[in-house]
């Protein structure tokens, strides 16, 4: 019932038909265990822009703070990820999100062949969105997407979350937007 109410609220707020909000997830992990947690997410169809949009929310602070999101932010040691290393908490979130929505993404992109996959996020969600984009453009997950699927990722205020093994690596599918006064974006992978 809670997820259906959330879908209805999102559809109303974004002026979408209810069936265009195809998935929502809004639940903290038990005991703030990051290995089982993922930030709040939504998947919606934007037929006007011809996009399937995966939105990854930032650290939940309202109406009450999410201990699991906060711990996920702070779990900043590096782990092997893709062709480099990544922020441990956000890498776990990436894997948990893919487990929840990968089949749905494949099904919707197969159904709507002219739609691209847009991954967006802010703060914690931005870091996770970047890791999702790496997997969806270059990882084994890319092979599951329908042939010719375009993936784009736009993030806002992302902390540094990934260091490639290859010097000078850039993923052209990812666009990161920063405010020049945002201290979070200037942290290093090690802090």
Protein backbone atom coordinates (compact mmCIF):
# COMPACT_ATOMS: atom_id res chain seq x y z
CA UNK A 1 0.00 0.00 0.00
CA UNK A 2 2.83 2.41 0.87
CA UNK A 3 4.60 1.83 -2.47
CA UNK A 4 1.35 2.36 -4.37
CA UNK A 5 0.77 5.64 -2.51
CA UNK A 6 4.32 6.71 -3.30
CA UNK A 7 3.80 5.85 -7.00
CA UNK A 8 0.61 7.93 -7.00
CA UNK A 9 2.37 10.88 -5.33
CA UNK A 10 5.28 10.73 -7.79
CA UNK A 11 2.94 10.52 -10.77
CA UNK A 12 0.96 13.50 -9.53
CA UNK A 13 4.06 15.55 -8.66
CA UNK A 14 5.75 14.85 -11.99
CA UNK A 15 2.49 15.13 -13.94
CA UNK A 16 2.81 11.58 -15.26
CA UNK A 17 0.26 8.85 -15.76
CA UNK A 18 0.39 6.31 -12.94
CA UNK A 19 1.55 3.58 -15.34
CA UNK A 20 4.54 5.77 -16.29
CA UNK A 21 5.91 5.44 -12.74
CA UNK A 22 6.94 1.83 -13.20
CA UNK A 23 8.89 1.18 -9.98
CA UNK A 24 9.59 2.79 -6.62
CA UNK A 25 11.70 1.60 -3.72
CA UNK A 26 11.63 3.41 -0.40
CA UNK A 27 12.77 1.27 2.51
CA UNK A 28 15.69 1.34 4.91
CA UNK A 29 17.71 -1.80 5.48
CA UNK A 30 17.26 -3.55 8.81
CA UNK A 31 19.85 -2.39 11.36
CA UNK A 32 21.34 -0.02 8.75
CA UNK A 33 23.22 -2.92 7.11
CA UNK A 34 24.68 -1.41 3.93
CA UNK A 35 25.21 -4.77 2.30
CA UNK A 36 21.41 -5.05 2.02
CA UNK A 37 20.56 -1.38 1.56
CA UNK A 38 20.00 0.85 -1.40
CA UNK A 39 18.92 4.49 -1.40
CA UNK A 40 15.41 5.39 -2.48
CA UNK A 41 14.95 4.88 -6.22
CA UNK A 42 12.29 5.36 -8.85
CA UNK A 43 11.99 4.24 -12.47
CA UNK A 44 9.67 6.19 -14.71
CA UNK A 45 8.90 6.54 -18.39
CA UNK A 46 9.16 9.93 -20.06
CA UNK A 47 7.60 9.32 -23.47
CA UNK A 48 7.94 12.96 -24.52
CA UNK A 49 11.73 12.81 -24.12
CA UNK A 50 11.82 9.11 -25.07
CA UNK A 51 13.59 8.12 -21.87
CA UNK A 52 13.37 5.45 -19.22
CA UNK A 53 14.60 7.35 -16.16
CA UNK A 54 16.26 5.66 -13.19
CA UNK A 55 16.45 8.18 -10.34
CA UNK A 56 18.68 7.53 -7.33
CA UNK A 57 17.90 9.77 -4.38
CA UNK A 58 20.46 11.43 -2.15
CA UNK A 59 20.92 10.81 1.56
CA UNK A 60 17.45 10.85 3.08
CA UNK A 61 17.21 13.46 5.84
CA UNK A 62 13.48 14.23 5.81
CA UNK A 63 11.01 13.54 7.27
CA UNK A 64 13.47 11.56 9.43
CA UNK A 65 17.12 10.77 8.66
CA UNK A 66 17.95 7.38 7.18
CA UNK A 67 20.67 5.73 9.30
CA UNK A 68 21.36 3.27 6.46
CA UNK A 69 21.92 6.11 3.95
CA UNK A 70 24.23 7.91 6.38
CA UNK A 71 26.25 4.78 7.08
CA UNK A 72 26.40 4.09 3.35
CA UNK A 73 27.89 7.58 2.84
CA UNK A 74 30.49 6.95 5.54
CA UNK A 75 31.48 3.48 4.33
CA UNK A 76 34.10 5.14 2.16
CA UNK A 77 36.96 2.65 2.00
CA UNK A 78 37.75 1.48 -1.52
CA UNK A 79 36.82 -1.88 -3.00
CA UNK A 80 37.57 -3.35 -6.44
CA UNK A 81 34.89 -2.25 -8.88
CA UNK A 82 34.63 -2.51 -12.66
CA UNK A 83 38.13 -1.60 -13.97
CA UNK A 84 39.32 0.20 -10.87
CA UNK A 85 38.14 0.83 -7.34
CA UNK A 86 35.09 2.49 -5.85
CA UNK A 87 33.56 3.83 -2.64
CA UNK A 88 32.45 0.70 -0.77
CA UNK A 89 29.04 1.93 0.36
CA UNK A 90 28.06 3.30 -3.03
CA UNK A 91 29.37 0.21 -4.82
CA UNK A 92 27.12 -1.90 -2.57
CA UNK A 93 24.18 0.39 -3.39
CA UNK A 94 24.90 0.01 -7.11
CA UNK A 95 24.84 -3.78 -6.90
CA UNK A 96 21.67 -3.76 -4.76
CA UNK A 97 19.87 -1.45 -7.19
CA UNK A 98 20.86 -3.53 -10.19
CA UNK A 99 19.53 -6.62 -8.42
CA UNK A 100 16.18 -4.87 -7.93
CA UNK A 101 15.71 -3.22 -11.34
CA UNK A 102 17.90 -4.84 -14.00
CA UNK A 103 15.19 -7.18 -15.28
CA UNK A 104 12.68 -4.30 -15.30
CA UNK A 105 15.08 -2.04 -17.22
CA UNK A 106 15.64 -4.75 -19.83
CA UNK A 107 11.89 -5.39 -20.17
CA UNK A 108 10.95 -1.71 -20.52
CA UNK A 109 13.79 -0.91 -22.93
CA UNK A 110 12.76 -3.93 -25.01
CA UNK A 111 9.16 -2.70 -25.00
CA UNK A 112 10.12 0.90 -25.81
CA UNK A 113 12.98 0.41 -28.26
CA UNK A 114 13.18 4.11 -29.14
CA UNK A 115 13.78 5.15 -25.49
CA UNK A 116 17.23 5.68 -24.00
CA UNK A 117 18.12 4.89 -20.40
CA UNK A 118 18.72 8.02 -18.33
CA UNK A 119 20.31 7.56 -14.89
CA UNK A 120 20.16 10.58 -12.57
CA UNK A 121 21.10 11.27 -8.98
CA UNK A 122 22.04 13.89 -6.42
CA UNK A 123 24.73 13.60 -3.70
CA UNK A 124 24.73 9.96 -2.48
CA UNK A 125 22.45 9.19 -5.43
CA UNK A 126 24.88 10.91 -7.80
CA UNK A 127 27.77 8.72 -6.70
CA UNK A 128 25.66 5.60 -7.06
CA UNK A 129 24.33 6.80 -10.43
CA UNK A 130 27.88 7.13 -11.77
CA UNK A 131 28.68 3.57 -10.73
CA UNK A 132 25.43 2.35 -12.29
CA UNK A 133 26.36 4.12 -15.53
CA UNK A 134 29.77 2.41 -15.56
CA UNK A 135 28.13 -1.00 -15.23
CA UNK A 136 25.34 -0.24 -17.71
CA UNK A 137 27.70 1.12 -20.39
CA UNK A 138 30.79 -1.07 -19.99
CA UNK A 139 30.02 -3.92 -17.60
CA UNK A 140 28.31 -7.25 -18.17
CA UNK A 141 24.98 -5.49 -17.54
CA UNK A 142 25.43 -3.67 -20.84
CA UNK A 143 25.23 -7.01 -22.63
CA UNK A 144 21.80 -7.62 -21.11
CA UNK A 145 20.36 -4.36 -22.47
CA UNK A 146 18.68 -4.48 -25.87
CA UNK A 147 21.15 -3.92 -28.69
CA UNK A 148 21.61 -0.24 -29.49
CA UNK A 149 20.36 1.01 -26.10
CA UNK A 150 21.75 4.45 -25.37
CA UNK A 151 22.67 5.15 -21.74
CA UNK A 152 23.23 8.62 -20.33
CA UNK A 153 23.93 9.64 -16.74
CA UNK A 154 23.58 13.12 -15.27
CA UNK A 155 24.62 13.69 -11.68
CA UNK A 156 24.42 16.65 -9.35
CA UNK A 157 26.89 17.16 -6.49
CA UNK A 158 28.53 13.75 -6.67
CA UNK A 159 31.30 12.89 -4.27
CA UNK A 160 34.35 11.21 -5.82
CA UNK A 161 33.37 7.54 -5.97
CA UNK A 162 35.47 5.82 -8.61
CA UNK A 163 39.12 5.64 -9.62
CA UNK A 164 39.87 3.78 -12.83
CA UNK A 165 43.01 1.70 -13.19
CA UNK A 166 43.57 3.38 -16.55
CA UNK A 167 45.05 6.90 -16.18
CA UNK A 168 42.89 9.61 -17.76
CA UNK A 169 39.83 7.37 -18.04
CA UNK A 170 36.59 9.16 -18.93
CA UNK A 171 33.17 7.65 -19.52
CA UNK A 172 31.44 9.88 -22.10
CA UNK A 173 27.98 8.75 -20.94
CA UNK A 174 28.44 10.51 -17.58
CA UNK A 175 27.92 14.25 -17.10
CA UNK A 176 28.55 15.58 -13.59
CA UNK A 177 27.24 18.96 -12.50
CA UNK A 178 28.83 20.67 -9.50
CA UNK A 179 28.33 23.89 -7.57
CA UNK A 180 31.74 25.52 -7.16
CA UNK A 181 31.05 25.96 -3.41
CA UNK A 182 30.08 22.33 -2.79
CA UNK A 183 32.65 20.84 -0.41
CA UNK A 184 31.31 17.30 -0.85
CA UNK A 185 32.36 17.23 -4.48
CA UNK A 186 35.97 18.11 -3.58
CA UNK A 187 36.57 15.22 -1.19
CA UNK A 188 38.93 12.50 -2.33
CA UNK A 189 38.20 8.80 -2.64
CA UNK A 190 40.36 8.33 0.46
CA UNK A 191 38.44 10.73 2.70
